[in-house]
Structure formats: C-alpha cells, structure tokens
Amino acid sequence: MNVEINDKILQTALAQFLKFGIREMSIQKLVAPLNISTKTVYKHFKNKEELLEAVLRYHYNQQYKLFEELIGVQNTVALFYDIWYYAVEREYGVNNAFFRDLHYYYPALERKIEVEIGNKFWQKILQLVKKGIQQGYFSEEIIPEVMMEGIAVLLDKIGRSEQFLKFKITHREIFQNTISIYIKGFCTTKGLQELENHIAKKYDLTLNK
C-alpha cells in the first residue's frame, strides 16, 4: 500500500465525513478534492465501512500522538484545560449528522473504536488528573473518574446535540460558560492561579472577556 496516497485519502475522507455526515458522504465527494479515481480508493479500502474505520483510527491516533507530545512539555493543569478546549473547538464545528449516523448505522464500529482508542485516551487523561492532584493543582477531595464523566457529558451535549445551537454563540463562549467553569471549580488556589496565567498568555485574555 502506498503510504502517502493512503494518508491523503484518510485526511480528505476525515474532512468530508465530518462535513457531510456518513450517510451523505460518497466516494465521489472523496475523489473530487483528491483528483483521483474511485478505482484508486477501492484499491485501498474495499467498502465505505472499512474506510470509515480507518478514518476514525487515523483521527484518534493523530490526536493521541499530539497529546503524548504535550504531556512532556506543558504544565499539568494548563494541558488539561487545553485538551477540553480543543475538544469543544473540534466537535462544535462538526456536522451533527456525523455522530448521529455513526451511532445509528454503525453502532458496533462506534463501540469498537471507543473500547480500543477511547479508553486509551481516558486512562491517560485520568493519569493527568491524578498527577494534578499530587502537584497541588486539583483539590484532593475530587474523584477523578466522576470529574471526567461530568466533563464528558458536557462535551457530548455541546458537540453531539443541537442543545446549544439556539444561543448562536461561538464554541469559545460555550466553553467559557460550561467546561471552563467546571474545571476551575476543581482547582486549588495554586491551580487556579496557574490556569489564569495560562489563559491570559495562550488565549490573549479573550476567554475572560
């Protein structure tokens, strides 16, 4: 398999799946921006479901690689905050049809990816929370698993439902009024100070306006 062509197909397919949803996504919509033939796609993937699985793996593996790189260079509480900010940024702009289609038409694939890749992410982020507690950034009274579940529920509502669309505000404003407040509530004085400094530098104070 030509790795370069395969990666280009996966990159473009990911963008097209997220834009159109799974049901409305067609091979024609994939080959047009790539300027390749449908025959080329079928040389790499035998059907749409195999392509979708490869796309999901590609996407989450790329995210996981970036996450591991950041763990070694970024402050714990700042990294935790950024993870969820970018998650909202990524998912809020996605066509909700993608998640509905995945859940309705490919439930087995959805569960498979969640078990294999989602759990890997979950465990890494849990380790980050526990490290933050040890470093004095998060309160010792929190239960990491419960804290994480609460954020996951908020993210699901923000990115995978239409509940927040009625407000007609940006993903940044939604994050500021939901998950951002939630995270700050679990911080110690030390953690909150570190986080506010990080927000002021990285987000140019706009999250607080």
N, C-alpha and C. Protein backbone atom coordinates (compact mmCIF):
# COMPACT_ATOMS: atom_id res chain seq x y z
N MET A 1 0.84 -1.21 0.00
CA MET A 1 0.00 0.00 0.00
C MET A 1 0.87 1.25 0.00
N ASN A 2 0.57 2.18 -0.89
CA ASN A 2 1.30 3.44 -0.94
C ASN A 2 0.89 4.29 0.25
N VAL A 3 1.82 4.49 1.20
CA VAL A 3 1.50 5.17 2.45
C VAL A 3 1.09 6.62 2.22
N GLU A 4 1.78 7.30 1.30
CA GLU A 4 1.48 8.71 1.04
C GLU A 4 0.07 8.89 0.48
N ILE A 5 -0.31 8.05 -0.48
CA ILE A 5 -1.66 8.13 -1.05
C ILE A 5 -2.69 7.75 -0.01
N ASN A 6 -2.39 6.72 0.78
CA ASN A 6 -3.31 6.28 1.82
C ASN A 6 -3.57 7.38 2.83
N ASP A 7 -2.51 8.09 3.26
CA ASP A 7 -2.68 9.18 4.22
C ASP A 7 -3.49 10.33 3.64
N LYS A 8 -3.26 10.64 2.37
CA LYS A 8 -4.03 11.70 1.72
C LYS A 8 -5.51 11.34 1.65
N ILE A 9 -5.78 10.08 1.35
CA ILE A 9 -7.17 9.62 1.30
C ILE A 9 -7.81 9.75 2.68
N LEU A 10 -7.10 9.32 3.71
CA LEU A 10 -7.64 9.38 5.07
C LEU A 10 -7.85 10.82 5.54
N GLN A 11 -6.90 11.69 5.25
CA GLN A 11 -7.04 13.10 5.64
C GLN A 11 -8.26 13.74 4.98
N THR A 12 -8.41 13.51 3.70
CA THR A 12 -9.53 14.09 2.96
C THR A 12 -10.84 13.44 3.37
N ALA A 13 -10.83 12.13 3.53
CA ALA A 13 -12.05 11.42 3.93
C ALA A 13 -12.54 11.89 5.30
N LEU A 14 -11.61 12.13 6.22
CA LEU A 14 -11.98 12.63 7.54
C LEU A 14 -12.70 13.97 7.42
N ALA A 15 -12.12 14.88 6.66
CA ALA A 15 -12.72 16.21 6.47
C ALA A 15 -14.10 16.10 5.83
N GLN A 16 -14.24 15.21 4.85
CA GLN A 16 -15.51 15.07 4.14
C GLN A 16 -16.58 14.38 5.00
N PHE A 17 -16.18 13.38 5.76
CA PHE A 17 -17.12 12.72 6.68
C PHE A 17 -17.66 13.71 7.70
N LEU A 18 -16.77 14.52 8.26
CA LEU A 18 -17.18 15.49 9.28
C LEU A 18 -18.03 16.60 8.68
N LYS A 19 -17.80 16.91 7.43
CA LYS A 19 -18.56 17.97 6.76
C LYS A 19 -19.95 17.51 6.35
N PHE A 20 -20.05 16.32 5.76
CA PHE A 20 -21.31 15.87 5.19
C PHE A 20 -22.08 14.87 6.06
N GLY A 21 -21.40 14.27 7.04
CA GLY A 21 -22.02 13.16 7.74
C GLY A 21 -21.68 11.88 6.99
N ILE A 22 -22.02 10.75 7.58
CA ILE A 22 -21.64 9.47 6.99
C ILE A 22 -22.58 9.07 5.85
N ARG A 23 -23.86 9.22 6.04
CA ARG A 23 -24.82 8.80 5.01
C ARG A 23 -24.67 9.61 3.73
N GLU A 24 -24.41 10.91 3.87
CA GLU A 24 -24.32 11.78 2.70
C GLU A 24 -22.93 11.75 2.06
N MET A 25 -22.00 11.13 2.74
CA MET A 25 -20.65 11.03 2.20
C MET A 25 -20.63 9.96 1.09
N SER A 26 -20.03 10.30 -0.03
CA SER A 26 -19.94 9.36 -1.15
C SER A 26 -18.50 9.31 -1.64
N ILE A 27 -18.18 8.27 -2.38
CA ILE A 27 -16.84 8.17 -2.94
C ILE A 27 -16.57 9.33 -3.88
N GLN A 28 -17.61 9.78 -4.58
CA GLN A 28 -17.45 10.93 -5.49
C GLN A 28 -17.02 12.19 -4.73
N LYS A 29 -17.60 12.39 -3.54
CA LYS A 29 -17.24 13.55 -2.72
C LYS A 29 -15.82 13.43 -2.18
N LEU A 30 -15.31 12.20 -2.13
CA LEU A 30 -13.95 11.97 -1.67
C LEU A 30 -12.93 12.16 -2.78
N VAL A 31 -13.22 11.62 -3.95
CA VAL A 31 -12.23 11.66 -5.04
C VAL A 31 -12.10 13.03 -5.69
N ALA A 32 -13.18 13.82 -5.63
CA ALA A 32 -13.15 15.14 -6.29
C ALA A 32 -12.01 16.03 -5.78
N PRO A 33 -11.89 16.27 -4.46
CA PRO A 33 -10.79 17.13 -3.99
C PRO A 33 -9.41 16.48 -4.12
N LEU A 34 -9.38 15.15 -4.22
CA LEU A 34 -8.10 14.44 -4.32
C LEU A 34 -7.62 14.32 -5.76
N ASN A 35 -8.56 14.49 -6.68
CA ASN A 35 -8.24 14.34 -8.11
C ASN A 35 -7.70 12.94 -8.41
N ILE A 36 -8.37 11.93 -7.85
CA ILE A 36 -8.02 10.54 -8.12
C ILE A 36 -9.28 9.81 -8.57
N SER A 37 -9.14 8.57 -9.00
CA SER A 37 -10.28 7.79 -9.46
C SER A 37 -10.87 6.98 -8.31
N THR A 38 -12.13 6.59 -8.47
CA THR A 38 -12.76 5.73 -7.45
C THR A 38 -12.03 4.39 -7.36
N LYS A 39 -11.46 3.97 -8.50
CA LYS A 39 -10.72 2.71 -8.53
C LYS A 39 -9.54 2.75 -7.55
N THR A 40 -8.89 3.92 -7.46
CA THR A 40 -7.76 4.08 -6.56
C THR A 40 -8.18 3.92 -5.11
N VAL A 41 -9.35 4.49 -4.78
CA VAL A 41 -9.86 4.36 -3.41
C VAL A 41 -10.14 2.91 -3.07
N TYR A 42 -10.78 2.20 -4.00
CA TYR A 42 -11.14 0.81 -3.75
C TYR A 42 -9.93 -0.13 -3.74
N LYS A 43 -8.80 0.34 -4.23
CA LYS A 43 -7.57 -0.44 -4.11
C LYS A 43 -7.08 -0.46 -2.67
N HIS A 44 -7.44 0.60 -1.93
CA HIS A 44 -7.00 0.73 -0.53
C HIS A 44 -8.06 0.26 0.47
N PHE A 45 -9.33 0.48 0.13
CA PHE A 45 -10.43 0.16 1.05
C PHE A 45 -11.55 -0.53 0.27
N LYS A 46 -11.99 -1.67 0.77
CA LYS A 46 -12.94 -2.46 0.00
C LYS A 46 -14.35 -1.90 0.03
N ASN A 47 -14.69 -1.12 1.07
CA ASN A 47 -16.02 -0.53 1.14
C ASN A 47 -16.01 0.70 2.06
N LYS A 48 -17.17 1.33 2.17
CA LYS A 48 -17.30 2.57 2.94
C LYS A 48 -17.04 2.34 4.42
N GLU A 49 -17.49 1.22 4.95
CA GLU A 49 -17.30 0.95 6.38
C GLU A 49 -15.83 0.76 6.72
N GLU A 50 -15.09 0.08 5.86
CA GLU A 50 -13.66 -0.10 6.09
C GLU A 50 -12.94 1.24 6.04
N LEU A 51 -13.36 2.10 5.10
CA LEU A 51 -12.79 3.44 5.01
C LEU A 51 -13.10 4.24 6.27
N LEU A 52 -14.33 4.18 6.75
CA LEU A 52 -14.74 4.90 7.95
C LEU A 52 -13.93 4.45 9.16
N GLU A 53 -13.74 3.15 9.31
CA GLU A 53 -12.96 2.64 10.44
C GLU A 53 -11.52 3.14 10.38
N ALA A 54 -10.95 3.11 9.19
CA ALA A 54 -9.58 3.59 9.02
C ALA A 54 -9.47 5.08 9.32
N VAL A 55 -10.49 5.84 8.92
CA VAL A 55 -10.52 7.28 9.17
C VAL A 55 -10.59 7.56 10.67
N LEU A 56 -11.45 6.85 11.38
CA LEU A 56 -11.58 7.04 12.82
C LEU A 56 -10.28 6.71 13.54
N ARG A 57 -9.65 5.61 13.15
CA ARG A 57 -8.38 5.24 13.76
C ARG A 57 -7.30 6.30 13.47
N TYR A 58 -7.26 6.75 12.25
CA TYR A 58 -6.29 7.76 11.85
C TYR A 58 -6.47 9.03 12.67
N HIS A 59 -7.71 9.48 12.78
CA HIS A 59 -8.01 10.71 13.51
C HIS A 59 -7.59 10.62 14.97
N TYR A 60 -8.01 9.55 15.66
CA TYR A 60 -7.73 9.43 17.08
C TYR A 60 -6.26 9.14 17.36
N ASN A 61 -5.60 8.42 16.46
CA ASN A 61 -4.18 8.17 16.65
C ASN A 61 -3.37 9.44 16.50
N GLN A 62 -3.79 10.32 15.58
CA GLN A 62 -3.13 11.61 15.42
C GLN A 62 -3.31 12.47 16.68
N GLN A 63 -4.53 12.45 17.22
CA GLN A 63 -4.81 13.22 18.43
C GLN A 63 -4.02 12.68 19.62
N TYR A 64 -3.92 11.37 19.70
CA TYR A 64 -3.21 10.73 20.81
C TYR A 64 -1.71 11.04 20.74
N LYS A 65 -1.17 11.05 19.53
CA LYS A 65 0.24 11.36 19.35
C LYS A 65 0.54 12.79 19.82
N LEU A 66 -0.33 13.73 19.44
CA LEU A 66 -0.17 15.12 19.87
C LEU A 66 -0.28 15.23 21.38
N PHE A 67 -1.23 14.52 21.96
CA PHE A 67 -1.44 14.54 23.41
C PHE A 67 -0.18 14.07 24.14
N GLU A 68 0.42 12.98 23.67
CA GLU A 68 1.62 12.45 24.32
C GLU A 68 2.78 13.43 24.22
N GLU A 69 2.87 14.14 23.10
CA GLU A 69 3.94 15.13 22.94
C GLU A 69 3.78 16.28 23.93
N LEU A 70 2.54 16.70 24.14
CA LEU A 70 2.27 17.83 25.03
C LEU A 70 2.48 17.48 26.50
N ILE A 71 2.25 16.21 26.86
CA ILE A 71 2.40 15.80 28.26
C ILE A 71 3.80 16.11 28.78
N GLY A 72 4.79 15.95 27.92
CA GLY A 72 6.17 16.15 28.37
C GLY A 72 6.62 17.59 28.46
N VAL A 73 5.84 18.51 27.88
CA VAL A 73 6.32 19.90 27.81
C VAL A 73 5.39 20.93 28.45
N GLN A 74 4.17 20.53 28.77
CA GLN A 74 3.20 21.52 29.25
C GLN A 74 2.78 21.26 30.69
N ASN A 75 2.52 22.34 31.41
CA ASN A 75 2.04 22.26 32.78
C ASN A 75 0.77 21.42 32.86
N THR A 76 0.61 20.64 33.91
CA THR A 76 -0.48 19.69 34.04
C THR A 76 -1.86 20.33 33.94
N VAL A 77 -2.12 21.36 34.72
CA VAL A 77 -3.45 21.96 34.73
C VAL A 77 -3.73 22.71 33.43
N ALA A 78 -2.69 23.30 32.85
CA ALA A 78 -2.84 24.00 31.57
C ALA A 78 -3.15 23.01 30.45
N LEU A 79 -2.46 21.88 30.45
CA LEU A 79 -2.69 20.86 29.44
C LEU A 79 -4.10 20.29 29.56
N PHE A 80 -4.54 20.04 30.78
CA PHE A 80 -5.89 19.50 31.00
C PHE A 80 -6.94 20.47 30.44
N TYR A 81 -6.73 21.75 30.68
CA TYR A 81 -7.64 22.77 30.19
C TYR A 81 -7.66 22.79 28.66
N ASP A 82 -6.47 22.76 28.06
CA ASP A 82 -6.36 22.82 26.60
C ASP A 82 -7.00 21.62 25.92
N ILE A 83 -6.85 20.46 26.53
CA ILE A 83 -7.43 19.24 25.95
C ILE A 83 -8.92 19.42 25.71
N TRP A 84 -9.61 19.94 26.70
CA TRP A 84 -11.07 20.07 26.60
C TRP A 84 -11.47 21.28 25.76
N TYR A 85 -10.65 22.31 25.76
CA TYR A 85 -10.94 23.45 24.88
C TYR A 85 -10.90 23.02 23.42
N TYR A 86 -9.84 22.30 23.06
CA TYR A 86 -9.70 21.86 21.67
C TYR A 86 -10.74 20.80 21.31
N ALA A 87 -11.17 20.03 22.30
CA ALA A 87 -12.22 19.04 22.04
C ALA A 87 -13.53 19.74 21.68
N VAL A 88 -13.84 20.81 22.40
CA VAL A 88 -15.05 21.59 22.08
C VAL A 88 -14.89 22.28 20.73
N GLU A 89 -13.74 22.86 20.49
CA GLU A 89 -13.47 23.54 19.23
C GLU A 89 -13.65 22.58 18.06
N ARG A 90 -13.13 21.36 18.22
CA ARG A 90 -13.18 20.37 17.15
C ARG A 90 -14.60 19.86 16.91
N GLU A 91 -15.30 19.53 17.99
CA GLU A 91 -16.60 18.88 17.84
C GLU A 91 -17.75 19.84 17.59
N TYR A 92 -17.64 21.08 18.05
CA TYR A 92 -18.75 22.02 17.88
C TYR A 92 -18.95 22.39 16.42
N GLY A 93 -17.85 22.35 15.65
CA GLY A 93 -17.97 22.71 14.25
C GLY A 93 -18.31 21.55 13.34
N VAL A 94 -18.48 20.37 13.92
CA VAL A 94 -18.75 19.18 13.12
C VAL A 94 -20.24 19.05 12.83
N ASN A 95 -20.55 18.61 11.63
CA ASN A 95 -21.93 18.32 11.28
C ASN A 95 -22.46 17.26 12.23
N ASN A 96 -23.52 17.56 12.98
CA ASN A 96 -24.07 16.61 13.94
C ASN A 96 -24.51 15.30 13.29
N ALA A 97 -24.76 15.36 11.99
CA ALA A 97 -25.17 14.16 11.27
C ALA A 97 -24.09 13.08 11.35
N PHE A 98 -22.83 13.49 11.44
CA PHE A 98 -21.75 12.51 11.51
C PHE A 98 -21.92 11.62 12.74
N PHE A 99 -22.14 12.23 13.91
CA PHE A 99 -22.27 11.46 15.14
C PHE A 99 -23.56 10.66 15.16
N ARG A 100 -24.64 11.25 14.65
CA ARG A 100 -25.90 10.51 14.60
C ARG A 100 -25.79 9.30 13.69
N ASP A 101 -25.17 9.49 12.55
CA ASP A 101 -25.02 8.38 11.60
C ASP A 101 -24.14 7.28 12.17
N LEU A 102 -23.05 7.69 12.82
CA LEU A 102 -22.13 6.71 13.40
C LEU A 102 -22.86 5.89 14.46
N HIS A 103 -23.63 6.55 15.31
CA HIS A 103 -24.34 5.87 16.39
C HIS A 103 -25.47 4.98 15.87
N TYR A 104 -26.18 5.46 14.85
CA TYR A 104 -27.36 4.74 14.37
C TYR A 104 -27.02 3.62 13.38
N TYR A 105 -26.12 3.91 12.45
CA TYR A 105 -25.85 2.96 11.38
C TYR A 105 -24.63 2.07 11.64
N TYR A 106 -23.72 2.53 12.50
CA TYR A 106 -22.51 1.76 12.76
C TYR A 106 -22.25 1.62 14.26
N PRO A 107 -23.23 1.16 15.03
CA PRO A 107 -23.05 1.07 16.49
C PRO A 107 -21.92 0.14 16.91
N ALA A 108 -21.75 -0.96 16.18
CA ALA A 108 -20.70 -1.91 16.53
C ALA A 108 -19.32 -1.28 16.32
N LEU A 109 -19.17 -0.54 15.23
CA LEU A 109 -17.90 0.13 14.95
C LEU A 109 -17.65 1.22 15.98
N GLU A 110 -18.69 1.95 16.36
CA GLU A 110 -18.56 3.01 17.37
C GLU A 110 -18.06 2.42 18.68
N ARG A 111 -18.65 1.31 19.11
CA ARG A 111 -18.24 0.66 20.36
C ARG A 111 -16.80 0.15 20.26
N LYS A 112 -16.46 -0.41 19.11
CA LYS A 112 -15.12 -0.96 18.90
C LYS A 112 -14.05 0.12 19.04
N ILE A 113 -14.28 1.25 18.41
CA ILE A 113 -13.32 2.35 18.47
C ILE A 113 -13.23 2.93 19.88
N GLU A 114 -14.39 3.05 20.54
CA GLU A 114 -14.41 3.58 21.91
C GLU A 114 -13.61 2.70 22.86
N VAL A 115 -13.76 1.38 22.69
CA VAL A 115 -13.05 0.45 23.57
C VAL A 115 -11.55 0.49 23.29
N GLU A 116 -11.18 0.45 22.02
CA GLU A 116 -9.76 0.34 21.65
C GLU A 116 -9.00 1.66 21.81
N ILE A 117 -9.61 2.76 21.39
CA ILE A 117 -8.90 4.03 21.37
C ILE A 117 -9.40 5.00 22.44
N GLY A 118 -10.73 5.09 22.58
CA GLY A 118 -11.30 6.00 23.58
C GLY A 118 -10.82 5.68 24.98
N ASN A 119 -10.74 4.40 25.32
CA ASN A 119 -10.31 4.01 26.65
C ASN A 119 -8.85 4.38 26.89
N LYS A 120 -8.04 4.32 25.81
CA LYS A 120 -6.63 4.69 25.92
C LYS A 120 -6.50 6.18 26.27
N PHE A 121 -7.29 7.00 25.60
CA PHE A 121 -7.32 8.44 25.90
C PHE A 121 -7.78 8.67 27.33
N TRP A 122 -8.88 8.00 27.70
CA TRP A 122 -9.49 8.18 29.01
C TRP A 122 -8.49 7.91 30.13
N GLN A 123 -7.75 6.81 30.01
CA GLN A 123 -6.79 6.44 31.04
C GLN A 123 -5.65 7.44 31.14
N LYS A 124 -5.20 7.95 30.00
CA LYS A 124 -4.12 8.94 30.00
C LYS A 124 -4.56 10.24 30.68
N ILE A 125 -5.79 10.65 30.39
CA ILE A 125 -6.28 11.90 30.98
C ILE A 125 -6.54 11.72 32.47
N LEU A 126 -7.00 10.53 32.86
CA LEU A 126 -7.17 10.24 34.29
C LEU A 126 -5.83 10.34 35.02
N GLN A 127 -4.79 9.83 34.40
CA GLN A 127 -3.45 9.92 34.98
C GLN A 127 -3.03 11.38 35.15
N LEU A 128 -3.43 12.20 34.18
CA LEU A 128 -3.12 13.63 34.22
C LEU A 128 -3.82 14.29 35.41
N VAL A 129 -5.09 13.93 35.63
CA VAL A 129 -5.84 14.49 36.76
C VAL A 129 -5.18 14.09 38.08
N LYS A 130 -4.83 12.82 38.19
CA LYS A 130 -4.21 12.33 39.43
C LYS A 130 -2.85 12.99 39.67
N LYS A 131 -2.13 13.24 38.58
CA LYS A 131 -0.86 13.95 38.70
C LYS A 131 -1.10 15.38 39.16
N GLY A 132 -2.16 16.00 38.65
CA GLY A 132 -2.51 17.36 39.06
C GLY A 132 -2.87 17.44 40.53
N ILE A 133 -3.50 16.41 41.05
CA ILE A 133 -3.83 16.36 42.48
C ILE A 133 -2.54 16.28 43.30
N GLN A 134 -1.64 15.41 42.87
CA GLN A 134 -0.36 15.24 43.58
C GLN A 134 0.46 16.53 43.57
N GLN A 135 0.36 17.28 42.48
CA GLN A 135 1.12 18.52 42.36
C GLN A 135 0.44 19.70 43.04
N GLY A 136 -0.77 19.47 43.55
CA GLY A 136 -1.47 20.53 44.27
C GLY A 136 -2.28 21.46 43.39
N TYR A 137 -2.51 21.08 42.12
CA TYR A 137 -3.30 21.91 41.21
C TYR A 137 -4.80 21.64 41.33
N PHE A 138 -5.15 20.37 41.59
CA PHE A 138 -6.54 19.99 41.76
C PHE A 138 -6.79 19.60 43.22
N SER A 139 -8.00 19.84 43.67
CA SER A 139 -8.37 19.52 45.05
C SER A 139 -8.24 18.02 45.32
N GLU A 140 -7.77 17.67 46.50
CA GLU A 140 -7.64 16.28 46.90
C GLU A 140 -9.01 15.63 47.13
N GLU A 141 -10.04 16.44 47.22
CA GLU A 141 -11.38 15.92 47.51
C GLU A 141 -12.10 15.39 46.26
N ILE A 142 -11.58 15.69 45.09
CA ILE A 142 -12.28 15.26 43.88
C ILE A 142 -12.07 13.77 43.63
N ILE A 143 -13.04 13.17 42.96
CA ILE A 143 -12.93 11.79 42.48
C ILE A 143 -12.67 11.90 40.98
N PRO A 144 -11.47 11.61 40.51
CA PRO A 144 -11.11 11.84 39.12
C PRO A 144 -12.08 11.25 38.10
N GLU A 145 -12.53 10.02 38.36
CA GLU A 145 -13.43 9.36 37.41
C GLU A 145 -14.76 10.10 37.29
N VAL A 146 -15.26 10.62 38.41
CA VAL A 146 -16.53 11.35 38.41
C VAL A 146 -16.35 12.70 37.73
N MET A 147 -15.24 13.36 38.03
CA MET A 147 -14.93 14.64 37.40
C MET A 147 -14.89 14.49 35.88
N MET A 148 -14.21 13.44 35.41
CA MET A 148 -14.07 13.20 33.98
C MET A 148 -15.42 12.89 33.33
N GLU A 149 -16.23 12.13 34.03
CA GLU A 149 -17.55 11.77 33.48
C GLU A 149 -18.41 13.01 33.30
N GLY A 150 -18.30 13.93 34.25
CA GLY A 150 -19.06 15.18 34.16
C GLY A 150 -18.65 16.00 32.94
N ILE A 151 -17.36 16.08 32.68
CA ILE A 151 -16.88 16.82 31.50
C ILE A 151 -17.32 16.12 30.22
N ALA A 152 -17.26 14.79 30.22
CA ALA A 152 -17.65 14.03 29.03
C ALA A 152 -19.12 14.26 28.70
N VAL A 153 -19.97 14.34 29.72
CA VAL A 153 -21.40 14.58 29.50
C VAL A 153 -21.60 15.97 28.89
N LEU A 154 -20.90 16.96 29.41
CA LEU A 154 -21.00 18.32 28.87
C LEU A 154 -20.53 18.37 27.42
N LEU A 155 -19.40 17.72 27.14
CA LEU A 155 -18.86 17.71 25.78
C LEU A 155 -19.83 17.05 24.81
N ASP A 156 -20.44 15.98 25.25
CA ASP A 156 -21.41 15.27 24.40
C ASP A 156 -22.58 16.18 24.05
N LYS A 157 -23.07 16.93 25.01
CA LYS A 157 -24.19 17.84 24.77
C LYS A 157 -23.79 19.01 23.87
N ILE A 158 -22.57 19.49 24.05
CA ILE A 158 -22.10 20.63 23.27
C ILE A 158 -21.87 20.25 21.81
N GLY A 159 -21.18 19.13 21.60
CA GLY A 159 -20.77 18.78 20.25
C GLY A 159 -21.68 17.83 19.51
N ARG A 160 -22.49 17.06 20.24
CA ARG A 160 -23.23 15.99 19.57
C ARG A 160 -24.74 16.12 19.69
N SER A 161 -25.18 17.29 20.07
CA SER A 161 -26.62 17.56 20.09
C SER A 161 -26.82 18.99 19.61
N GLU A 162 -28.06 19.39 19.46
CA GLU A 162 -28.36 20.75 19.00
C GLU A 162 -28.77 21.67 20.14
N GLN A 163 -28.52 21.22 21.37
CA GLN A 163 -28.99 21.91 22.55
C GLN A 163 -28.42 23.32 22.70
N PHE A 164 -27.16 23.52 22.27
CA PHE A 164 -26.52 24.82 22.46
C PHE A 164 -26.60 25.71 21.22
N LEU A 165 -27.07 25.17 20.12
CA LEU A 165 -27.13 25.93 18.87
C LEU A 165 -28.07 27.13 18.97
N LYS A 166 -29.10 27.01 19.81
CA LYS A 166 -30.10 28.08 19.92
C LYS A 166 -29.50 29.40 20.43
N PHE A 167 -28.35 29.32 21.10
CA PHE A 167 -27.75 30.53 21.65
C PHE A 167 -26.99 31.34 20.60
N LYS A 168 -26.66 30.70 19.49
CA LYS A 168 -25.96 31.39 18.39
C LYS A 168 -24.69 32.09 18.87
N ILE A 169 -23.88 31.36 19.61
CA ILE A 169 -22.61 31.88 20.09
C ILE A 169 -21.48 30.96 19.65
N THR A 170 -20.25 31.41 19.81
CA THR A 170 -19.10 30.64 19.36
C THR A 170 -18.79 29.48 20.31
N HIS A 171 -17.98 28.55 19.80
CA HIS A 171 -17.56 27.43 20.65
C HIS A 171 -16.77 27.93 21.84
N ARG A 172 -16.03 29.03 21.67
CA ARG A 172 -15.24 29.60 22.76
C ARG A 172 -16.15 30.12 23.88
N GLU A 173 -17.23 30.78 23.51
CA GLU A 173 -18.17 31.29 24.52
C GLU A 173 -18.88 30.15 25.24
N ILE A 174 -19.19 29.11 24.49
CA ILE A 174 -19.83 27.95 25.12
C ILE A 174 -18.86 27.29 26.10
N PHE A 175 -17.62 27.11 25.69
CA PHE A 175 -16.61 26.52 26.57
C PHE A 175 -16.43 27.36 27.83
N GLN A 176 -16.36 28.67 27.64
CA GLN A 176 -16.16 29.59 28.75
C GLN A 176 -17.27 29.48 29.79
N ASN A 177 -18.48 29.20 29.33
CA ASN A 177 -19.63 29.17 30.23
C ASN A 177 -20.01 27.77 30.71
N THR A 178 -19.24 26.78 30.32
CA THR A 178 -19.56 25.41 30.75
C THR A 178 -18.33 24.70 31.30
N ILE A 179 -17.57 24.06 30.45
CA ILE A 179 -16.45 23.23 30.89
C ILE A 179 -15.36 24.04 31.58
N SER A 180 -15.11 25.27 31.11
CA SER A 180 -14.10 26.11 31.74
C SER A 180 -14.43 26.35 33.22
N ILE A 181 -15.67 26.69 33.50
CA ILE A 181 -16.10 26.93 34.88
C ILE A 181 -16.01 25.65 35.70
N TYR A 182 -16.38 24.54 35.09
CA TYR A 182 -16.34 23.23 35.74
C TYR A 182 -14.92 22.89 36.17
N ILE A 183 -13.97 23.07 35.26
CA ILE A 183 -12.56 22.76 35.57
C ILE A 183 -12.04 23.68 36.68
N LYS A 184 -12.33 24.97 36.57
CA LYS A 184 -11.85 25.91 37.59
C LYS A 184 -12.37 25.57 38.97
N GLY A 185 -13.57 25.01 39.02
CA GLY A 185 -14.17 24.65 40.30
C GLY A 185 -13.43 23.54 41.03
N PHE A 186 -12.64 22.77 40.29
CA PHE A 186 -11.89 21.68 40.90
C PHE A 186 -10.45 22.07 41.23
N CYS A 187 -10.07 23.29 40.87
CA CYS A 187 -8.70 23.75 41.10
C CYS A 187 -8.50 24.25 42.52
N THR A 188 -7.29 24.07 43.02
CA THR A 188 -6.88 24.71 44.27
C THR A 188 -6.52 26.16 43.94
N THR A 189 -6.20 26.94 44.96
CA THR A 189 -5.76 28.33 44.73
C THR A 189 -4.53 28.34 43.83
N LYS A 190 -3.62 27.42 44.08
CA LYS A 190 -2.40 27.30 43.27
C LYS A 190 -2.75 26.95 41.83
N GLY A 191 -3.65 25.99 41.66
CA GLY A 191 -4.04 25.56 40.32
C GLY A 191 -4.77 26.65 39.56
N LEU A 192 -5.64 27.36 40.26
CA LEU A 192 -6.41 28.42 39.62
C LEU A 192 -5.51 29.56 39.16
N GLN A 193 -4.53 29.90 39.97
CA GLN A 193 -3.59 30.96 39.60
C GLN A 193 -2.78 30.55 38.37
N GLU A 194 -2.32 29.31 38.36
CA GLU A 194 -1.55 28.79 37.23
C GLU A 194 -2.41 28.79 35.96
N LEU A 195 -3.66 28.41 36.13
CA LEU A 195 -4.57 28.32 34.99
C LEU A 195 -4.91 29.70 34.44
N GLU A 196 -5.16 30.65 35.31
CA GLU A 196 -5.48 32.01 34.85
C GLU A 196 -4.30 32.62 34.10
N ASN A 197 -3.09 32.36 34.57
CA ASN A 197 -1.90 32.85 33.88
C ASN A 197 -1.79 32.23 32.49
N HIS A 198 -2.08 30.94 32.42
CA HIS A 198 -2.03 30.22 31.15
C HIS A 198 -3.06 30.78 30.17
N ILE A 199 -4.28 31.00 30.65
CA ILE A 199 -5.35 31.53 29.79
C ILE A 199 -4.98 32.91 29.27
N ALA A 200 -4.43 33.73 30.15
CA ALA A 200 -4.06 35.10 29.75
C ALA A 200 -2.99 35.09 28.66
N LYS A 201 -2.05 34.15 28.75
CA LYS A 201 -0.96 34.10 27.77
C LYS A 201 -1.41 33.43 26.46
N LYS A 202 -2.03 32.27 26.59
CA LYS A 202 -2.33 31.48 25.39
C LYS A 202 -3.56 31.98 24.64
N TYR A 203 -4.57 32.44 25.38
CA TYR A 203 -5.81 32.85 24.74
C TYR A 203 -5.96 34.36 24.66
N ASP A 204 -4.88 35.07 24.98
CA ASP A 204 -4.86 36.53 24.84
C ASP A 204 -6.00 37.21 25.58
N LEU A 205 -6.35 36.66 26.75
CA LEU A 205 -7.37 37.21 27.62
C LEU A 205 -8.81 37.10 27.08
N THR A 206 -8.96 36.58 25.84
CA THR A 206 -10.30 36.62 25.23
C THR A 206 -11.29 35.68 25.90
N LEU A 207 -10.78 34.66 26.58
CA LEU A 207 -11.70 33.77 27.27
C LEU A 207 -12.35 34.45 28.46
N ASN A 208 -11.75 35.53 28.93
CA ASN A 208 -12.29 36.20 30.11
C ASN A 208 -13.08 37.46 29.74
N LYS A 209 -13.26 37.74 28.48
CA LYS A 209 -13.99 38.94 28.08
C LYS A 209 -15.46 38.63 27.92
